[in-house]
Amino acid sequence: MIEVKYFSDAANPQRAVLRNLGFQLLMRRYHKRETQRSVARKIGFPAAEIDAVEVGSGAGHLAVLVALCYYYQQVVDFDNLQKSWQLAD
């Protein structure tokens, strides 16, 4: 597997956090060679909502983000996520 590094250049730090996390989830899906539709069927959310999370748009729902993290067994350090969120305020 190749290593891909991504750092969002979003002016809004909160958006940058969501984009970075979304990209990690996108790479997990890509590595598993799954489509958004197949993941959508497995986790019970529409593919459009998965896409919103993967691109880090504000339209992404927290429930979808959490479901994707569980599905991919993606560990998220919510303490650091919360700290970065607070720094943006």
PDB file of N, CA and C in Angstrom:
ATOM      1  N   MET A   1       0.850  -1.179   0.000  1.00  0.00           N
ATOM      2  CA  MET A   1       0.000   0.000   0.000  1.00  0.00           C
ATOM      3  C   MET A   1       0.890   1.234   0.000  1.00  0.00           C
ATOM      4  N   ILE A   2       0.548   2.213  -0.829  1.00  0.00           N
ATOM      5  CA  ILE A   2       1.323   3.437  -0.860  1.00  0.00           C
ATOM      6  C   ILE A   2       0.831   4.391   0.219  1.00  0.00           C
ATOM      7  N   GLU A   3       1.723   5.232   0.659  1.00  0.00           N
ATOM      8  CA  GLU A   3       1.365   6.211   1.669  1.00  0.00           C
ATOM      9  C   GLU A   3       0.968   7.498   0.967  1.00  0.00           C
ATOM     10  N   VAL A   4      -0.183   8.024   1.364  1.00  0.00           N
ATOM     11  CA  VAL A   4      -0.672   9.268   0.803  1.00  0.00           C
ATOM     12  C   VAL A   4      -0.785  10.265   1.946  1.00  0.00           C
ATOM     13  N   LYS A   5      -0.159  11.418   1.771  1.00  0.00           N
ATOM     14  CA  LYS A   5      -0.256  12.463   2.788  1.00  0.00           C
ATOM     15  C   LYS A   5      -1.149  13.563   2.249  1.00  0.00           C
ATOM     16  N   TYR A   6      -2.055  14.017   3.091  1.00  0.00           N
ATOM     17  CA  TYR A   6      -2.992  15.061   2.698  1.00  0.00           C
ATOM     18  C   TYR A   6      -3.123  16.039   3.835  1.00  0.00           C
ATOM     19  N   PHE A   7      -3.002  17.300   3.518  1.00  0.00           N
ATOM     20  CA  PHE A   7      -3.217  18.356   4.492  1.00  0.00           C
ATOM     21  C   PHE A   7      -4.115  19.387   3.836  1.00  0.00           C
ATOM     22  N   SER A   8      -5.264  19.605   4.432  1.00  0.00           N
ATOM     23  CA  SER A   8      -6.220  20.546   3.874  1.00  0.00           C
ATOM     24  C   SER A   8      -5.678  21.965   3.964  1.00  0.00           C
ATOM     25  N   ASP A   9      -5.938  22.740   2.934  1.00  0.00           N
ATOM     26  CA  ASP A   9      -5.549  24.148   2.950  1.00  0.00           C
ATOM     27  C   ASP A   9      -6.757  25.048   3.205  1.00  0.00           C
ATOM     28  N   ALA A  10      -7.791  24.478   3.795  1.00  0.00           N
ATOM     29  CA  ALA A  10      -8.989  25.250   4.087  1.00  0.00           C
ATOM     30  C   ALA A  10      -8.662  26.381   5.053  1.00  0.00           C
ATOM     31  N   ALA A  11      -9.217  27.537   4.807  1.00  0.00           N
ATOM     32  CA  ALA A  11      -8.977  28.700   5.664  1.00  0.00           C
ATOM     33  C   ALA A  11      -9.616  28.495   7.035  1.00  0.00           C
ATOM     34  N   ASN A  12     -10.717  27.789   7.074  1.00  0.00           N
ATOM     35  CA  ASN A  12     -11.421  27.511   8.327  1.00  0.00           C
ATOM     36  C   ASN A  12     -10.797  26.265   8.961  1.00  0.00           C
ATOM     37  N   PRO A  13     -10.204  26.388  10.150  1.00  0.00           N
ATOM     38  CA  PRO A  13      -9.546  25.235  10.774  1.00  0.00           C
ATOM     39  C   PRO A  13     -10.494  24.069  11.055  1.00  0.00           C
ATOM     40  N   GLN A  14     -11.742  24.373  11.366  1.00  0.00           N
ATOM     41  CA  GLN A  14     -12.704  23.299  11.608  1.00  0.00           C
ATOM     42  C   GLN A  14     -12.957  22.515  10.323  1.00  0.00           C
ATOM     43  N   ARG A  15     -13.065  23.214   9.220  1.00  0.00           N
ATOM     44  CA  ARG A  15     -13.254  22.556   7.931  1.00  0.00           C
ATOM     45  C   ARG A  15     -12.027  21.717   7.587  1.00  0.00           C
ATOM     46  N   ALA A  16     -10.841  22.221   7.917  1.00  0.00           N
ATOM     47  CA  ALA A  16      -9.607  21.482   7.643  1.00  0.00           C
ATOM     48  C   ALA A  16      -9.588  20.164   8.408  1.00  0.00           C
ATOM     49  N   VAL A  17     -10.027  20.178   9.667  1.00  0.00           N
ATOM     50  CA  VAL A  17     -10.088  18.946  10.461  1.00  0.00           C
ATOM     51  C   VAL A  17     -11.038  17.952   9.806  1.00  0.00           C
ATOM     52  N   LEU A  18     -12.217  18.417   9.394  1.00  0.00           N
ATOM     53  CA  LEU A  18     -13.196  17.526   8.756  1.00  0.00           C
ATOM     54  C   LEU A  18     -12.672  16.981   7.430  1.00  0.00           C
ATOM     55  N   ARG A  19     -11.986  17.813   6.672  1.00  0.00           N
ATOM     56  CA  ARG A  19     -11.436  17.343   5.396  1.00  0.00           C
ATOM     57  C   ARG A  19     -10.351  16.299   5.609  1.00  0.00           C
ATOM     58  N   ASN A  20      -9.485  16.517   6.578  1.00  0.00           N
ATOM     59  CA  ASN A  20      -8.418  15.548   6.846  1.00  0.00           C
ATOM     60  C   ASN A  20      -8.989  14.216   7.297  1.00  0.00           C
ATOM     61  N   LEU A  21      -9.962  14.251   8.196  1.00  0.00           N
ATOM     62  CA  LEU A  21     -10.593  13.022   8.671  1.00  0.00           C
ATOM     63  C   LEU A  21     -11.352  12.336   7.535  1.00  0.00           C
ATOM     64  N   GLY A  22     -12.080  13.115   6.759  1.00  0.00           N
ATOM     65  CA  GLY A  22     -12.817  12.560   5.621  1.00  0.00           C
ATOM     66  C   GLY A  22     -11.898  11.888   4.618  1.00  0.00           C
ATOM     67  N   PHE A  23     -10.742  12.498   4.382  1.00  0.00           N
ATOM     68  CA  PHE A  23      -9.783  11.908   3.442  1.00  0.00           C
ATOM     69  C   PHE A  23      -9.252  10.579   3.966  1.00  0.00           C
ATOM     70  N   GLN A  24      -9.010  10.500   5.259  1.00  0.00           N
ATOM     71  CA  GLN A  24      -8.559   9.227   5.844  1.00  0.00           C
ATOM     72  C   GLN A  24      -9.604   8.135   5.612  1.00  0.00           C
ATOM     73  N   LEU A  25     -10.870   8.481   5.798  1.00  0.00           N
ATOM     74  CA  LEU A  25     -11.941   7.504   5.589  1.00  0.00           C
ATOM     75  C   LEU A  25     -12.065   7.132   4.113  1.00  0.00           C
ATOM     76  N   LEU A  26     -11.900   8.094   3.237  1.00  0.00           N
ATOM     77  CA  LEU A  26     -11.917   7.823   1.798  1.00  0.00           C
ATOM     78  C   LEU A  26     -10.813   6.841   1.430  1.00  0.00           C
ATOM     79  N   MET A  27      -9.627   7.030   1.973  1.00  0.00           N
ATOM     80  CA  MET A  27      -8.518   6.132   1.680  1.00  0.00           C
ATOM     81  C   MET A  27      -8.777   4.728   2.234  1.00  0.00           C
ATOM     82  N   ARG A  28      -9.451   4.648   3.375  1.00  0.00           N
ATOM     83  CA  ARG A  28      -9.818   3.320   3.901  1.00  0.00           C
ATOM     84  C   ARG A  28     -10.752   2.617   2.922  1.00  0.00           C
ATOM     85  N   ARG A  29     -11.744   3.344   2.403  1.00  0.00           N
ATOM     86  CA  ARG A  29     -12.687   2.751   1.446  1.00  0.00           C
ATOM     87  C   ARG A  29     -11.955   2.347   0.173  1.00  0.00           C
ATOM     88  N   TYR A  30     -11.080   3.218  -0.311  1.00  0.00           N
ATOM     89  CA  TYR A  30     -10.317   2.925  -1.524  1.00  0.00           C
ATOM     90  C   TYR A  30      -9.451   1.680  -1.336  1.00  0.00           C
ATOM     91  N   HIS A  31      -8.818   1.579  -0.188  1.00  0.00           N
ATOM     92  CA  HIS A  31      -7.958   0.428   0.087  1.00  0.00           C
ATOM     93  C   HIS A  31      -8.760  -0.873   0.110  1.00  0.00           C
ATOM     94  N   LYS A  32      -9.998  -0.803   0.594  1.00  0.00           N
ATOM     95  CA  LYS A  32     -10.860  -1.992   0.627  1.00  0.00           C
ATOM     96  C   LYS A  32     -11.532  -2.249  -0.724  1.00  0.00           C
ATOM     97  N   ARG A  33     -11.291  -1.335  -1.676  1.00  0.00           N
ATOM     98  CA  ARG A  33     -11.870  -1.451  -3.019  1.00  0.00           C
ATOM     99  C   ARG A  33     -13.390  -1.535  -2.985  1.00  0.00           C
ATOM    100  N   GLU A  34     -13.970  -0.641  -2.209  1.00  0.00           N
ATOM    101  CA  GLU A  34     -15.424  -0.594  -2.092  1.00  0.00           C
ATOM    102  C   GLU A  34     -15.950   0.702  -2.687  1.00  0.00           C
ATOM    103  N   THR A  35     -17.180   0.648  -3.153  1.00  0.00           N
ATOM    104  CA  THR A  35     -17.834   1.852  -3.646  1.00  0.00           C
ATOM    105  C   THR A  35     -18.605   2.502  -2.501  1.00  0.00           C
ATOM    106  N   GLN A  36     -18.973   3.751  -2.710  1.00  0.00           N
ATOM    107  CA  GLN A  36     -19.792   4.424  -1.699  1.00  0.00           C
ATOM    108  C   GLN A  36     -21.130   3.709  -1.544  1.00  0.00           C
ATOM    109  N   ARG A  37     -21.666   3.220  -2.648  1.00  0.00           N
ATOM    110  CA  ARG A  37     -22.958   2.515  -2.578  1.00  0.00           C
ATOM    111  C   ARG A  37     -22.869   1.245  -1.737  1.00  0.00           C
ATOM    112  N   SER A  38     -21.788   0.492  -1.902  1.00  0.00           N
ATOM    113  CA  SER A  38     -21.676  -0.750  -1.123  1.00  0.00           C
ATOM    114  C   SER A  38     -21.513  -0.439   0.362  1.00  0.00           C
ATOM    115  N   VAL A  39     -20.729   0.588   0.676  1.00  0.00           N
ATOM    116  CA  VAL A  39     -20.573   0.987   2.082  1.00  0.00           C
ATOM    117  C   VAL A  39     -21.899   1.510   2.618  1.00  0.00           C
ATOM    118  N   ALA A  40     -22.624   2.271   1.804  1.00  0.00           N
ATOM    119  CA  ALA A  40     -23.920   2.817   2.215  1.00  0.00           C
ATOM    120  C   ALA A  40     -24.882   1.694   2.603  1.00  0.00           C
ATOM    121  N   ARG A  41     -24.913   0.641   1.803  1.00  0.00           N
ATOM    122  CA  ARG A  41     -25.794  -0.500   2.122  1.00  0.00           C
ATOM    123  C   ARG A  41     -25.389  -1.150   3.446  1.00  0.00           C
ATOM    124  N   LYS A  42     -24.099  -1.215   3.708  1.00  0.00           N
ATOM    125  CA  LYS A  42     -23.612  -1.891   4.907  1.00  0.00           C
ATOM    126  C   LYS A  42     -23.816  -1.082   6.186  1.00  0.00           C
ATOM    127  N   ILE A  43     -23.713   0.254   6.089  1.00  0.00           N
ATOM    128  CA  ILE A  43     -23.852   1.056   7.310  1.00  0.00           C
ATOM    129  C   ILE A  43     -25.214   1.729   7.434  1.00  0.00           C
ATOM    130  N   GLY A  44     -26.021   1.684   6.377  1.00  0.00           N
ATOM    131  CA  GLY A  44     -27.382   2.192   6.466  1.00  0.00           C
ATOM    132  C   GLY A  44     -27.545   3.690   6.276  1.00  0.00           C
ATOM    133  N   PHE A  45     -26.622   4.333   5.592  1.00  0.00           N
ATOM    134  CA  PHE A  45     -26.742   5.752   5.280  1.00  0.00           C
ATOM    135  C   PHE A  45     -26.615   5.926   3.769  1.00  0.00           C
ATOM    136  N   PRO A  46     -27.245   6.963   3.219  1.00  0.00           N
ATOM    137  CA  PRO A  46     -27.143   7.188   1.773  1.00  0.00           C
ATOM    138  C   PRO A  46     -25.711   7.483   1.330  1.00  0.00           C
ATOM    139  N   ALA A  47     -25.392   7.088   0.105  1.00  0.00           N
ATOM    140  CA  ALA A  47     -24.056   7.324  -0.445  1.00  0.00           C
ATOM    141  C   ALA A  47     -23.733   8.813  -0.488  1.00  0.00           C
ATOM    142  N   ALA A  48     -24.730   9.651  -0.700  1.00  0.00           N
ATOM    143  CA  ALA A  48     -24.498  11.103  -0.745  1.00  0.00           C
ATOM    144  C   ALA A  48     -23.978  11.621   0.597  1.00  0.00           C
ATOM    145  N   GLU A  49     -24.460  11.045   1.692  1.00  0.00           N
ATOM    146  CA  GLU A  49     -23.986  11.466   3.011  1.00  0.00           C
ATOM    147  C   GLU A  49     -22.562  10.966   3.266  1.00  0.00           C
ATOM    148  N   ILE A  50     -22.240   9.797   2.767  1.00  0.00           N
ATOM    149  CA  ILE A  50     -20.867   9.291   2.873  1.00  0.00           C
ATOM    150  C   ILE A  50     -19.937  10.196   2.082  1.00  0.00           C
ATOM    151  N   ASP A  51     -20.371  10.604   0.898  1.00  0.00           N
ATOM    152  CA  ASP A  51     -19.575  11.504   0.081  1.00  0.00           C
ATOM    153  C   ASP A  51     -19.335  12.831   0.812  1.00  0.00           C
ATOM    154  N   ALA A  52     -20.358  13.357   1.459  1.00  0.00           N
ATOM    155  CA  ALA A  52     -20.219  14.625   2.188  1.00  0.00           C
ATOM    156  C   ALA A  52     -19.176  14.512   3.295  1.00  0.00           C
ATOM    157  N   VAL A  53     -19.144  13.382   3.968  1.00  0.00           N
ATOM    158  CA  VAL A  53     -18.146  13.167   5.028  1.00  0.00           C
ATOM    159  C   VAL A  53     -16.756  13.045   4.408  1.00  0.00           C
ATOM    160  N   GLU A  54     -16.645  12.288   3.327  1.00  0.00           N
ATOM    161  CA  GLU A  54     -15.334  12.063   2.710  1.00  0.00           C
ATOM    162  C   GLU A  54     -14.712  13.334   2.155  1.00  0.00           C
ATOM    163  N   VAL A  55     -15.522  14.266   1.674  1.00  0.00           N
ATOM    164  CA  VAL A  55     -14.969  15.514   1.144  1.00  0.00           C
ATOM    165  C   VAL A  55     -14.895  16.603   2.210  1.00  0.00           C
ATOM    166  N   GLY A  56     -15.381  16.297   3.415  1.00  0.00           N
ATOM    167  CA  GLY A  56     -15.274  17.243   4.522  1.00  0.00           C
ATOM    168  C   GLY A  56     -16.194  18.429   4.416  1.00  0.00           C
ATOM    169  N   SER A  57     -17.308  18.251   3.732  1.00  0.00           N
ATOM    170  CA  SER A  57     -18.246  19.373   3.614  1.00  0.00           C
ATOM    171  C   SER A  57     -19.023  19.530   4.906  1.00  0.00           C
ATOM    172  N   GLY A  58     -19.560  20.687   5.092  1.00  0.00           N
ATOM    173  CA  GLY A  58     -20.354  20.954   6.290  1.00  0.00           C
ATOM    174  C   GLY A  58     -21.651  20.165   6.316  1.00  0.00           C
ATOM    175  N   ALA A  59     -21.995  19.561   5.168  1.00  0.00           N
ATOM    176  CA  ALA A  59     -23.245  18.804   5.090  1.00  0.00           C
ATOM    177  C   ALA A  59     -23.122  17.416   5.715  1.00  0.00           C
ATOM    178  N   GLY A  60     -21.899  17.001   6.038  1.00  0.00           N
ATOM    179  CA  GLY A  60     -21.705  15.675   6.623  1.00  0.00           C
ATOM    180  C   GLY A  60     -22.287  15.604   8.023  1.00  0.00           C
ATOM    181  N   HIS A  61     -22.911  14.507   8.350  1.00  0.00           N
ATOM    182  CA  HIS A  61     -23.538  14.332   9.653  1.00  0.00           C
ATOM    183  C   HIS A  61     -22.623  13.552  10.581  1.00  0.00           C
ATOM    184  N   LEU A  62     -22.643  13.902  11.835  1.00  0.00           N
ATOM    185  CA  LEU A  62     -21.811  13.237  12.827  1.00  0.00           C
ATOM    186  C   LEU A  62     -22.127  11.742  12.898  1.00  0.00           C
ATOM    187  N   ALA A  63     -23.398  11.371  12.779  1.00  0.00           N
ATOM    188  CA  ALA A  63     -23.777   9.958  12.840  1.00  0.00           C
ATOM    189  C   ALA A  63     -23.119   9.161  11.718  1.00  0.00           C
ATOM    190  N   VAL A  64     -23.019   9.749  10.538  1.00  0.00           N
ATOM    191  CA  VAL A  64     -22.383   9.076   9.405  1.00  0.00           C
ATOM    192  C   VAL A  64     -20.886   8.947   9.672  1.00  0.00           C
ATOM    193  N   LEU A  65     -20.284  10.002  10.174  1.00  0.00           N
ATOM    194  CA  LEU A  65     -18.860   9.982  10.512  1.00  0.00           C
ATOM    195  C   LEU A  65     -18.555   8.873  11.513  1.00  0.00           C
ATOM    196  N   VAL A  66     -19.362   8.783  12.546  1.00  0.00           N
ATOM    197  CA  VAL A  66     -19.153   7.748  13.567  1.00  0.00           C
ATOM    198  C   VAL A  66     -19.360   6.360  12.975  1.00  0.00           C
ATOM    199  N   ALA A  67     -20.395   6.185  12.162  1.00  0.00           N
ATOM    200  CA  ALA A  67     -20.658   4.880  11.537  1.00  0.00           C
ATOM    201  C   ALA A  67     -19.495   4.457  10.636  1.00  0.00           C
ATOM    202  N   LEU A  68     -18.946   5.402   9.888  1.00  0.00           N
ATOM    203  CA  LEU A  68     -17.807   5.089   9.024  1.00  0.00           C
ATOM    204  C   LEU A  68     -16.576   4.714   9.843  1.00  0.00           C
ATOM    205  N   CYS A  69     -16.353   5.423  10.933  1.00  0.00           N
ATOM    206  CA  CYS A  69     -15.209   5.110  11.796  1.00  0.00           C
ATOM    207  C   CYS A  69     -15.337   3.699  12.361  1.00  0.00           C
ATOM    208  N   TYR A  70     -16.535   3.328  12.790  1.00  0.00           N
ATOM    209  CA  TYR A  70     -16.741   1.960  13.290  1.00  0.00           C
ATOM    210  C   TYR A  70     -16.551   0.938  12.171  1.00  0.00           C
ATOM    211  N   TYR A  71     -17.108   1.226  11.007  1.00  0.00           N
ATOM    212  CA  TYR A  71     -17.022   0.286   9.893  1.00  0.00           C
ATOM    213  C   TYR A  71     -15.573   0.025   9.488  1.00  0.00           C
ATOM    214  N   TYR A  72     -14.775   1.083   9.405  1.00  0.00           N
ATOM    215  CA  TYR A  72     -13.380   0.937   8.987  1.00  0.00           C
ATOM    216  C   TYR A  72     -12.437   0.668  10.149  1.00  0.00           C
ATOM    217  N   GLN A  73     -12.986   0.613  11.340  1.00  0.00           N
ATOM    218  CA  GLN A  73     -12.179   0.442  12.557  1.00  0.00           C
ATOM    219  C   GLN A  73     -11.113   1.533  12.630  1.00  0.00           C
ATOM    220  N   GLN A  74     -11.525   2.735  12.277  1.00  0.00           N
ATOM    221  CA  GLN A  74     -10.660   3.918  12.291  1.00  0.00           C
ATOM    222  C   GLN A  74     -10.689   4.510  13.699  1.00  0.00           C
ATOM    223  N   VAL A  75      -9.557   4.543  14.336  1.00  0.00           N
ATOM    224  CA  VAL A  75      -9.465   5.124  15.667  1.00  0.00           C
ATOM    225  C   VAL A  75      -9.333   6.634  15.524  1.00  0.00           C
ATOM    226  N   VAL A  76     -10.190   7.350  16.224  1.00  0.00           N
ATOM    227  CA  VAL A  76     -10.155   8.804  16.203  1.00  0.00           C
ATOM    228  C   VAL A  76      -9.865   9.277  17.614  1.00  0.00           C
ATOM    229  N   ASP A  77      -8.850  10.091  17.742  1.00  0.00           N
ATOM    230  CA  ASP A  77      -8.507  10.672  19.038  1.00  0.00           C
ATOM    231  C   ASP A  77      -9.407  11.888  19.240  1.00  0.00           C
ATOM    232  N   PHE A  78     -10.556  11.663  19.875  1.00  0.00           N
ATOM    233  CA  PHE A  78     -11.530  12.731  20.020  1.00  0.00           C
ATOM    234  C   PHE A  78     -11.050  13.839  20.947  1.00  0.00           C
ATOM    235  N   ASP A  79     -10.128  13.548  21.856  1.00  0.00           N
ATOM    236  CA  ASP A  79      -9.566  14.609  22.698  1.00  0.00           C
ATOM    237  C   ASP A  79      -8.796  15.603  21.839  1.00  0.00           C
ATOM    238  N   ASN A  80      -7.945  15.096  20.955  1.00  0.00           N
ATOM    239  CA  ASN A  80      -7.200  15.989  20.066  1.00  0.00           C
ATOM    240  C   ASN A  80      -8.118  16.681  19.072  1.00  0.00           C
ATOM    241  N   LEU A  81      -9.136  15.982  18.608  1.00  0.00           N
ATOM    242  CA  LEU A  81     -10.097  16.578  17.692  1.00  0.00           C
ATOM    243  C   LEU A  81     -10.811  17.739  18.376  1.00  0.00           C
ATOM    244  N   GLN A  82     -11.208  17.544  19.608  1.00  0.00           N
ATOM    245  CA  GLN A  82     -11.890  18.596  20.358  1.00  0.00           C
ATOM    246  C   GLN A  82     -10.942  19.785  20.600  1.00  0.00           C
ATOM    247  N   LYS A  83      -9.701  19.513  20.918  1.00  0.00           N
ATOM    248  CA  LYS A  83      -8.724  20.586  21.144  1.00  0.00           C
ATOM    249  C   LYS A  83      -8.529  21.412  19.874  1.00  0.00           C
ATOM    250  N   SER A  84      -8.398  20.740  18.728  1.00  0.00           N
ATOM    251  CA  SER A  84      -8.208  21.481  17.484  1.00  0.00           C
ATOM    252  C   SER A  84      -9.460  22.284  17.140  1.00  0.00           C
ATOM    253  N   TRP A  85     -10.608  21.754  17.480  1.00  0.00           N
ATOM    254  CA  TRP A  85     -11.869  22.446  17.236  1.00  0.00           C
ATOM    255  C   TRP A  85     -11.920  23.718  18.079  1.00  0.00           C
ATOM    256  N   GLN A  86     -11.492  23.621  19.353  1.00  0.00           N
ATOM    257  CA  GLN A  86     -11.528  24.764  20.254  1.00  0.00           C
ATOM    258  C   GLN A  86     -10.512  25.818  19.828  1.00  0.00           C
ATOM    259  N   LEU A  87      -9.380  25.400  19.281  1.00  0.00           N
ATOM    260  CA  LEU A  87      -8.390  26.355  18.805  1.00  0.00           C
ATOM    261  C   LEU A  87      -8.937  27.183  17.648  1.00  0.00           C
ATOM    262  N   ALA A  88      -9.884  26.614  16.916  1.00  0.00           N
ATOM    263  CA  ALA A  88     -10.440  27.316  15.773  1.00  0.00           C
ATOM    264  C   ALA A  88     -11.412  28.413  16.202  1.00  0.00           C
ATOM    265  N   ASP A  89     -11.930  28.313  17.396  1.00  0.00           N
ATOM    266  CA  ASP A  89     -12.912  29.320  17.852  1.00  0.00           C
ATOM    267  C   ASP A  89     -12.265  30.625  18.225  1.00  0.00           C
TER     268      ASP A  89
END
